[in-house]
Amino acid sequence: MTKKTVIEGVKFMDLVTHPDERGFFRELMRAGDGSLPAGFGQLSHSLVNKGVLKGWHAHKKQEQWNYPACGLLRVALHDNRPCSPTRGKTMEFLAGEGQPARAYFFPPGVLHGYVCLEGPVHMFYITSGVYDPEGDEVRIPHDDPAIGYDWGRP
């Protein structure tokens, strides 16, 4: 299920959890359900400690799904795409423990970042391409005045 967002192309996918006395099972994505990015490229896992800020970062070509498996993040997305109807808009939301079980998606050109409020966070992400620091990476300082976002670090 997707939810309406401020930035065009950003999606949320509610995840179904099957709990029992042993714990739970949660399916993240499945071939054929339309959730996987076009042209699967890479599945990655990142460990993020409490208080760590990662931002701003974007891809020129890649699509990306993120899923925080544990811990709590404040996520910020900023539309940096020149021809987007939501160019210049920023959205934020909480993701992880105590929040709805869901993954979030953003298209190429959307700057993304997060601050770890409760950690560590195990972040899993799927991209439509492979890591390419020369041809696909965009990095902007977290305190860029043109964006003016307050990360409110713990």
C-alpha atoms as a PDB file:
ATOM      1  CA  MET A   1       0.000   0.000   0.000  1.00  0.00           C
ATOM      2  CA  THR A   2       1.331   3.449  -0.841  1.00  0.00           C
ATOM      3  CA  LYS A   3       0.583   6.635   1.057  1.00  0.00           C
ATOM      4  CA  LYS A   4       0.318  10.161  -0.330  1.00  0.00           C
ATOM      5  CA  THR A   5       3.516  12.151   0.157  1.00  0.00           C
ATOM      6  CA  VAL A   6       4.817  15.660  -0.395  1.00  0.00           C
ATOM      7  CA  ILE A   7       7.440  14.640  -2.975  1.00  0.00           C
ATOM      8  CA  GLU A   8       6.329  13.177  -6.282  1.00  0.00           C
ATOM      9  CA  GLY A   9       7.541   9.616  -6.795  1.00  0.00           C
ATOM     10  CA  VAL A  10       8.167   8.810  -3.112  1.00  0.00           C
ATOM     11  CA  LYS A  11       6.259   5.702  -1.996  1.00  0.00           C
ATOM     12  CA  PHE A  12       5.646   3.751   1.179  1.00  0.00           C
ATOM     13  CA  MET A  13       4.886   0.046   1.274  1.00  0.00           C
ATOM     14  CA  ASP A  14       3.154  -1.297   4.371  1.00  0.00           C
ATOM     15  CA  LEU A  15       4.583  -4.674   5.312  1.00  0.00           C
ATOM     16  CA  VAL A  16       2.631  -7.606   6.686  1.00  0.00           C
ATOM     17  CA  THR A  17       4.046  -9.138   9.863  1.00  0.00           C
ATOM     18  CA  HIS A  18       3.272 -12.708  10.919  1.00  0.00           C
ATOM     19  CA  PRO A  19       4.065 -13.019  14.655  1.00  0.00           C
ATOM     20  CA  ASP A  20       4.081 -16.165  16.739  1.00  0.00           C
ATOM     21  CA  GLU A  21       5.675 -17.357  19.991  1.00  0.00           C
ATOM     22  CA  ARG A  22       9.089 -17.615  18.285  1.00  0.00           C
ATOM     23  CA  GLY A  23       9.145 -14.007  17.004  1.00  0.00           C
ATOM     24  CA  PHE A  24       7.877 -12.912  13.584  1.00  0.00           C
ATOM     25  CA  PHE A  25       8.262 -13.293   9.830  1.00  0.00           C
ATOM     26  CA  ARG A  26       8.031 -10.219   7.576  1.00  0.00           C
ATOM     27  CA  GLU A  27       8.237 -10.387   3.787  1.00  0.00           C
ATOM     28  CA  LEU A  28       9.872  -7.245   2.409  1.00  0.00           C
ATOM     29  CA  MET A  29       9.576  -7.590  -1.372  1.00  0.00           C
ATOM     30  CA  ARG A  30       8.634 -10.208  -3.873  1.00  0.00           C
ATOM     31  CA  ALA A  31       9.198 -10.590  -7.608  1.00  0.00           C
ATOM     32  CA  GLY A  32       6.073  -9.745  -9.547  1.00  0.00           C
ATOM     33  CA  ASP A  33       4.406  -7.492  -6.958  1.00  0.00           C
ATOM     34  CA  GLY A  34       5.730  -4.289  -8.564  1.00  0.00           C
ATOM     35  CA  SER A  35       7.849  -3.280  -5.578  1.00  0.00           C
ATOM     36  CA  LEU A  36      11.347  -4.078  -6.843  1.00  0.00           C
ATOM     37  CA  PRO A  37      13.203  -1.234  -8.571  1.00  0.00           C
ATOM     38  CA  ALA A  38      13.541  -1.502 -12.320  1.00  0.00           C
ATOM     39  CA  GLY A  39      16.609  -3.609 -13.067  1.00  0.00           C
ATOM     40  CA  PHE A  40      17.693  -4.918  -9.658  1.00  0.00           C
ATOM     41  CA  GLY A  41      21.267  -3.852  -8.979  1.00  0.00           C
ATOM     42  CA  GLN A  42      22.257  -4.349  -5.368  1.00  0.00           C
ATOM     43  CA  LEU A  43      21.023  -5.330  -1.889  1.00  0.00           C
ATOM     44  CA  SER A  44      22.983  -3.610   0.894  1.00  0.00           C
ATOM     45  CA  HIS A  45      23.027  -3.569   4.703  1.00  0.00           C
ATOM     46  CA  SER A  46      24.250  -0.638   6.794  1.00  0.00           C
ATOM     47  CA  LEU A  47      24.701  -0.458  10.579  1.00  0.00           C
ATOM     48  CA  VAL A  48      24.063   3.034  11.982  1.00  0.00           C
ATOM     49  CA  ASN A  49      24.803   3.982  15.590  1.00  0.00           C
ATOM     50  CA  LYS A  50      22.680   6.297  17.743  1.00  0.00           C
ATOM     51  CA  GLY A  51      23.288   9.976  17.006  1.00  0.00           C
ATOM     52  CA  VAL A  52      24.802   9.378  13.562  1.00  0.00           C
ATOM     53  CA  LEU A  53      23.608  11.670  10.774  1.00  0.00           C
ATOM     54  CA  LYS A  54      23.809  10.569   7.149  1.00  0.00           C
ATOM     55  CA  GLY A  55      22.781  13.211   4.625  1.00  0.00           C
ATOM     56  CA  TRP A  56      22.467  14.582   1.993  1.00  0.00           C
ATOM     57  CA  HIS A  57      22.946  11.939  -0.691  1.00  0.00           C
ATOM     58  CA  ALA A  58      21.225  11.219  -4.015  1.00  0.00           C
ATOM     59  CA  HIS A  59      21.595   9.126  -7.129  1.00  0.00           C
ATOM     60  CA  LYS A  60      21.566  10.410 -10.704  1.00  0.00           C
ATOM     61  CA  LYS A  61      20.169   7.154 -12.141  1.00  0.00           C
ATOM     62  CA  GLN A  62      19.246   4.705  -9.391  1.00  0.00           C
ATOM     63  CA  GLU A  63      15.906   4.070  -7.708  1.00  0.00           C
ATOM     64  CA  GLN A  64      16.035   2.905  -4.088  1.00  0.00           C
ATOM     65  CA  TRP A  65      13.916   1.149  -1.437  1.00  0.00           C
ATOM     66  CA  ASN A  66      14.986   1.449   2.250  1.00  0.00           C
ATOM     67  CA  TYR A  67      13.940  -0.686   5.205  1.00  0.00           C
ATOM     68  CA  PRO A  68      15.171  -0.097   8.784  1.00  0.00           C
ATOM     69  CA  ALA A  69      14.953  -3.475  10.526  1.00  0.00           C
ATOM     70  CA  CYS A  70      15.494  -2.166  14.069  1.00  0.00           C
ATOM     71  CA  GLY A  71      16.180   1.109  15.841  1.00  0.00           C
ATOM     72  CA  LEU A  72      14.533   4.441  15.022  1.00  0.00           C
ATOM     73  CA  LEU A  73      15.348   7.016  12.333  1.00  0.00           C
ATOM     74  CA  ARG A  74      14.165  10.495  11.474  1.00  0.00           C
ATOM     75  CA  VAL A  75      14.237  10.376   7.669  1.00  0.00           C
ATOM     76  CA  ALA A  76      14.357  13.466   5.471  1.00  0.00           C
ATOM     77  CA  LEU A  77      13.861  13.562   1.703  1.00  0.00           C
ATOM     78  CA  HIS A  78      14.387  16.667  -0.444  1.00  0.00           C
ATOM     79  CA  ASP A  79      13.340  16.923  -4.095  1.00  0.00           C
ATOM     80  CA  ASN A  80      16.347  18.153  -6.067  1.00  0.00           C
ATOM     81  CA  ARG A  81      15.065  17.168  -9.536  1.00  0.00           C
ATOM     82  CA  PRO A  82      15.094  20.124 -11.955  1.00  0.00           C
ATOM     83  CA  CYS A  83      11.830  19.261 -13.751  1.00  0.00           C
ATOM     84  CA  SER A  84       9.833  17.880 -10.809  1.00  0.00           C
ATOM     85  CA  PRO A  85       6.555  19.556  -9.801  1.00  0.00           C
ATOM     86  CA  THR A  86       7.665  19.147  -6.162  1.00  0.00           C
ATOM     87  CA  ARG A  87      11.203  20.549  -6.696  1.00  0.00           C
ATOM     88  CA  GLY A  88      12.503  22.189  -3.509  1.00  0.00           C
ATOM     89  CA  LYS A  89      10.062  20.391  -1.199  1.00  0.00           C
ATOM     90  CA  THR A  90      11.320  18.538   1.856  1.00  0.00           C
ATOM     91  CA  MET A  91       9.485  15.837   3.764  1.00  0.00           C
ATOM     92  CA  GLU A  92      10.321  14.019   6.971  1.00  0.00           C
ATOM     93  CA  PHE A  93       8.998  10.997   8.815  1.00  0.00           C
ATOM     94  CA  LEU A  94      10.000   8.457  11.447  1.00  0.00           C
ATOM     95  CA  ALA A  95      10.946   4.944  10.388  1.00  0.00           C
ATOM     96  CA  GLY A  96      11.776   1.839  12.388  1.00  0.00           C
ATOM     97  CA  GLU A  97      10.768   0.552  15.810  1.00  0.00           C
ATOM     98  CA  GLY A  98       7.474   1.863  17.159  1.00  0.00           C
ATOM     99  CA  GLN A  99       6.431   2.997  13.662  1.00  0.00           C
ATOM    100  CA  PRO A 100       4.301   1.199  11.072  1.00  0.00           C
ATOM    101  CA  ALA A 101       6.174  -1.738   9.526  1.00  0.00           C
ATOM    102  CA  ARG A 102       6.977  -0.355   6.102  1.00  0.00           C
ATOM    103  CA  ALA A 103       9.651   0.289   3.529  1.00  0.00           C
ATOM    104  CA  TYR A 104      10.070   3.586   1.696  1.00  0.00           C
ATOM    105  CA  PHE A 105      11.045   4.354  -1.913  1.00  0.00           C
ATOM    106  CA  PHE A 106      12.518   7.384  -3.631  1.00  0.00           C
ATOM    107  CA  PRO A 107      13.389   7.981  -7.283  1.00  0.00           C
ATOM    108  CA  PRO A 108      16.654   9.296  -8.745  1.00  0.00           C
ATOM    109  CA  GLY A 109      17.397  12.934  -7.892  1.00  0.00           C
ATOM    110  CA  VAL A 110      15.665  12.893  -4.510  1.00  0.00           C
ATOM    111  CA  LEU A 111      18.185  13.768  -1.799  1.00  0.00           C
ATOM    112  CA  HIS A 112      17.888  11.471   1.200  1.00  0.00           C
ATOM    113  CA  GLY A 113      19.292  11.215   4.656  1.00  0.00           C
ATOM    114  CA  TYR A 114      18.508  10.270   8.225  1.00  0.00           C
ATOM    115  CA  VAL A 115      19.566  10.701  11.807  1.00  0.00           C
ATOM    116  CA  CYS A 116      19.587   7.683  14.131  1.00  0.00           C
ATOM    117  CA  LEU A 117      17.399   8.537  17.149  1.00  0.00           C
ATOM    118  CA  GLU A 118      17.548   5.095  18.790  1.00  0.00           C
ATOM    119  CA  GLY A 119      20.126   2.621  17.706  1.00  0.00           C
ATOM    120  CA  PRO A 120      21.778   0.858  16.414  1.00  0.00           C
ATOM    121  CA  VAL A 121      19.721   0.765  13.213  1.00  0.00           C
ATOM    122  CA  HIS A 122      20.148  -2.025  10.706  1.00  0.00           C
ATOM    123  CA  MET A 123      19.231  -0.430   7.356  1.00  0.00           C
ATOM    124  CA  PHE A 124      18.616  -2.638   4.341  1.00  0.00           C
ATOM    125  CA  TYR A 125      18.322  -1.060   0.922  1.00  0.00           C
ATOM    126  CA  ILE A 126      17.751  -2.238  -2.608  1.00  0.00           C
ATOM    127  CA  THR A 127      18.925  -0.166  -5.554  1.00  0.00           C
ATOM    128  CA  SER A 128      18.248  -0.483  -9.265  1.00  0.00           C
ATOM    129  CA  GLY A 129      21.978  -0.153 -10.029  1.00  0.00           C
ATOM    130  CA  VAL A 130      25.310  -0.959  -8.430  1.00  0.00           C
ATOM    131  CA  TYR A 131      27.441   1.410  -6.368  1.00  0.00           C
ATOM    132  CA  ASP A 132      29.083   3.882  -8.748  1.00  0.00           C
ATOM    133  CA  PRO A 133      30.691   6.832  -6.933  1.00  0.00           C
ATOM    134  CA  GLU A 134      31.903   8.414 -10.188  1.00  0.00           C
ATOM    135  CA  GLY A 135      28.778   8.227 -12.347  1.00  0.00           C
ATOM    136  CA  ASP A 136      25.800   8.078  -9.995  1.00  0.00           C
ATOM    137  CA  GLU A 137      26.587   9.672  -6.622  1.00  0.00           C
ATOM    138  CA  VAL A 138      25.494  13.159  -5.544  1.00  0.00           C
ATOM    139  CA  ARG A 139      26.568  14.427  -2.117  1.00  0.00           C
ATOM    140  CA  ILE A 140      25.560  17.729  -0.524  1.00  0.00           C
ATOM    141  CA  PRO A 141      26.544  18.862   2.998  1.00  0.00           C
ATOM    142  CA  HIS A 142      23.932  18.066   5.665  1.00  0.00           C
ATOM    143  CA  ASP A 143      23.753  21.762   6.592  1.00  0.00           C
ATOM    144  CA  ASP A 144      23.461  23.160   3.052  1.00  0.00           C
ATOM    145  CA  PRO A 145      21.772  26.573   3.460  1.00  0.00           C
ATOM    146  CA  ALA A 146      19.918  26.193   0.144  1.00  0.00           C
ATOM    147  CA  ILE A 147      17.929  23.334   1.726  1.00  0.00           C
ATOM    148  CA  GLY A 148      17.857  24.739   5.260  1.00  0.00           C
ATOM    149  CA  TYR A 149      16.807  21.512   6.967  1.00  0.00           C
ATOM    150  CA  ASP A 150      17.236  21.179  10.751  1.00  0.00           C
ATOM    151  CA  TRP A 151      18.203  17.589  11.490  1.00  0.00           C
ATOM    152  CA  GLY A 152      17.505  18.007  15.217  1.00  0.00           C
ATOM    153  CA  ARG A 153      20.175  15.507  16.224  1.00  0.00           C
ATOM    154  CA  PRO A 154      19.664  13.822  19.598  1.00  0.00           C
END
